[in-house]
C-alpha atoms as a PDB file:
ATOM      1  CA  MET A   1      10.385  56.832  71.843  1.00  0.00           C
ATOM      2  CA  GLN A   2      11.862  54.421  74.849  1.00  0.00           C
ATOM      3  CA  LEU A   3      11.064  50.933  75.073  1.00  0.00           C
ATOM      4  CA  THR A   4      12.948  48.159  76.901  1.00  0.00           C
ATOM      5  CA  ALA A   5      15.265  45.550  74.721  1.00  0.00           C
ATOM      6  CA  VAL A   6      15.348  42.053  76.943  1.00  0.00           C
ATOM      7  CA  TYR A   7      18.250  39.616  75.039  1.00  0.00           C
ATOM      8  CA  THR A   8      18.676  36.316  76.305  1.00  0.00           C
ATOM      9  CA  GLN A   9      21.146  33.663  76.184  1.00  0.00           C
ATOM     10  CA  VAL A  10      19.881  30.152  74.484  1.00  0.00           C
ATOM     11  CA  PRO A  11      21.886  27.306  73.668  1.00  0.00           C
ATOM     12  CA  GLU A  12      21.491  28.142  70.237  1.00  0.00           C
ATOM     13  CA  GLY A  13      22.252  31.201  70.225  1.00  0.00           C
ATOM     14  CA  TYR A  14      19.896  34.666  71.662  1.00  0.00           C
ATOM     15  CA  ILE A  15      16.488  35.652  71.848  1.00  0.00           C
ATOM     16  CA  ALA A  16      15.602  39.088  72.431  1.00  0.00           C
ATOM     17  CA  PHE A  17      11.926  41.048  72.808  1.00  0.00           C
ATOM     18  CA  VAL A  18      10.517  43.928  73.631  1.00  0.00           C
ATOM     19  CA  GLU A  19       8.880  44.340  76.971  1.00  0.00           C
ATOM     20  CA  GLU A  20       6.498  47.255  75.572  1.00  0.00           C
ATOM     21  CA  LEU A  21       5.526  45.979  72.193  1.00  0.00           C
ATOM     22  CA  PRO A  22       4.234  43.003  71.550  1.00  0.00           C
ATOM     23  CA  GLY A  23       5.000  40.932  68.555  1.00  0.00           C
ATOM     24  CA  ALA A  24       8.036  42.186  68.772  1.00  0.00           C
ATOM     25  CA  ASN A  25      10.836  39.708  69.068  1.00  0.00           C
ATOM     26  CA  THR A  26      13.678  37.660  67.325  1.00  0.00           C
ATOM     27  CA  GLN A  27      16.476  35.361  68.022  1.00  0.00           C
ATOM     28  CA  GLY A  28      19.532  35.699  66.569  1.00  0.00           C
ATOM     29  CA  ASP A  29      23.053  33.153  66.640  1.00  0.00           C
ATOM     30  CA  THR A  30      24.664  36.174  68.225  1.00  0.00           C
ATOM     31  CA  ILE A  31      23.816  38.864  70.303  1.00  0.00           C
ATOM     32  CA  GLU A  32      24.653  41.101  67.713  1.00  0.00           C
ATOM     33  CA  GLU A  33      22.972  39.229  65.015  1.00  0.00           C
ATOM     34  CA  ALA A  34      19.595  39.176  67.600  1.00  0.00           C
ATOM     35  CA  GLN A  35      19.807  43.060  68.022  1.00  0.00           C
ATOM     36  CA  GLU A  36      19.568  44.177  64.281  1.00  0.00           C
ATOM     37  CA  ASN A  37      16.741  41.452  64.142  1.00  0.00           C
ATOM     38  CA  LEU A  38      15.389  42.997  67.116  1.00  0.00           C
ATOM     39  CA  LYS A  39      15.516  46.435  65.049  1.00  0.00           C
ATOM     40  CA  GLU A  40      13.200  45.193  61.916  1.00  0.00           C
ATOM     41  CA  ALA A  41      10.794  43.525  64.531  1.00  0.00           C
ATOM     42  CA  VAL A  42      10.432  46.969  65.916  1.00  0.00           C
ATOM     43  CA  ALA A  43      10.216  48.213  62.781  1.00  0.00           C
ATOM     44  CA  MET A  44       7.688  45.989  61.042  1.00  0.00           C
ATOM     45  CA  VAL A  45       5.415  45.841  64.199  1.00  0.00           C
ATOM     46  CA  LEU A  46       5.073  49.875  64.425  1.00  0.00           C
ATOM     47  CA  GLU A  47       4.337  50.374  60.925  1.00  0.00           C
ATOM     48  CA  ALA A  48       1.747  47.648  61.652  1.00  0.00           C
ATOM     49  CA  ASN A  49      -0.193  48.979  64.020  1.00  0.00           C
ATOM     50  CA  ARG A  50       0.481  52.749  62.524  1.00  0.00           C
ATOM     51  CA  GLY A  51      -1.457  50.930  59.125  1.00  0.00           C
ATOM     52  CA  LEU A  52      -4.423  49.542  61.674  1.00  0.00           C
ATOM     53  CA  ALA A  53      -4.504  53.031  63.243  1.00  0.00           C
ATOM     54  CA  GLU A  54      -5.104  54.756  60.200  1.00  0.00           C
ATOM     55  CA  GLN A  55      -7.605  52.302  59.117  1.00  0.00           C
ATOM     56  CA  GLY A  56      -9.442  53.188  62.234  1.00  0.00           C
END
């Protein structure tokens, strides 16, 4: 699966989100922190979506 991560610098640091995955968004003081946080957010959203799909 290929996803598009978008990072935007703001005065407080960086915000990050994945275009194809609503709900996968985060922030960080540095771009590296935002990247790590986004990986966790993507994993959590995918896990939640998987659980919803299994419930049918």
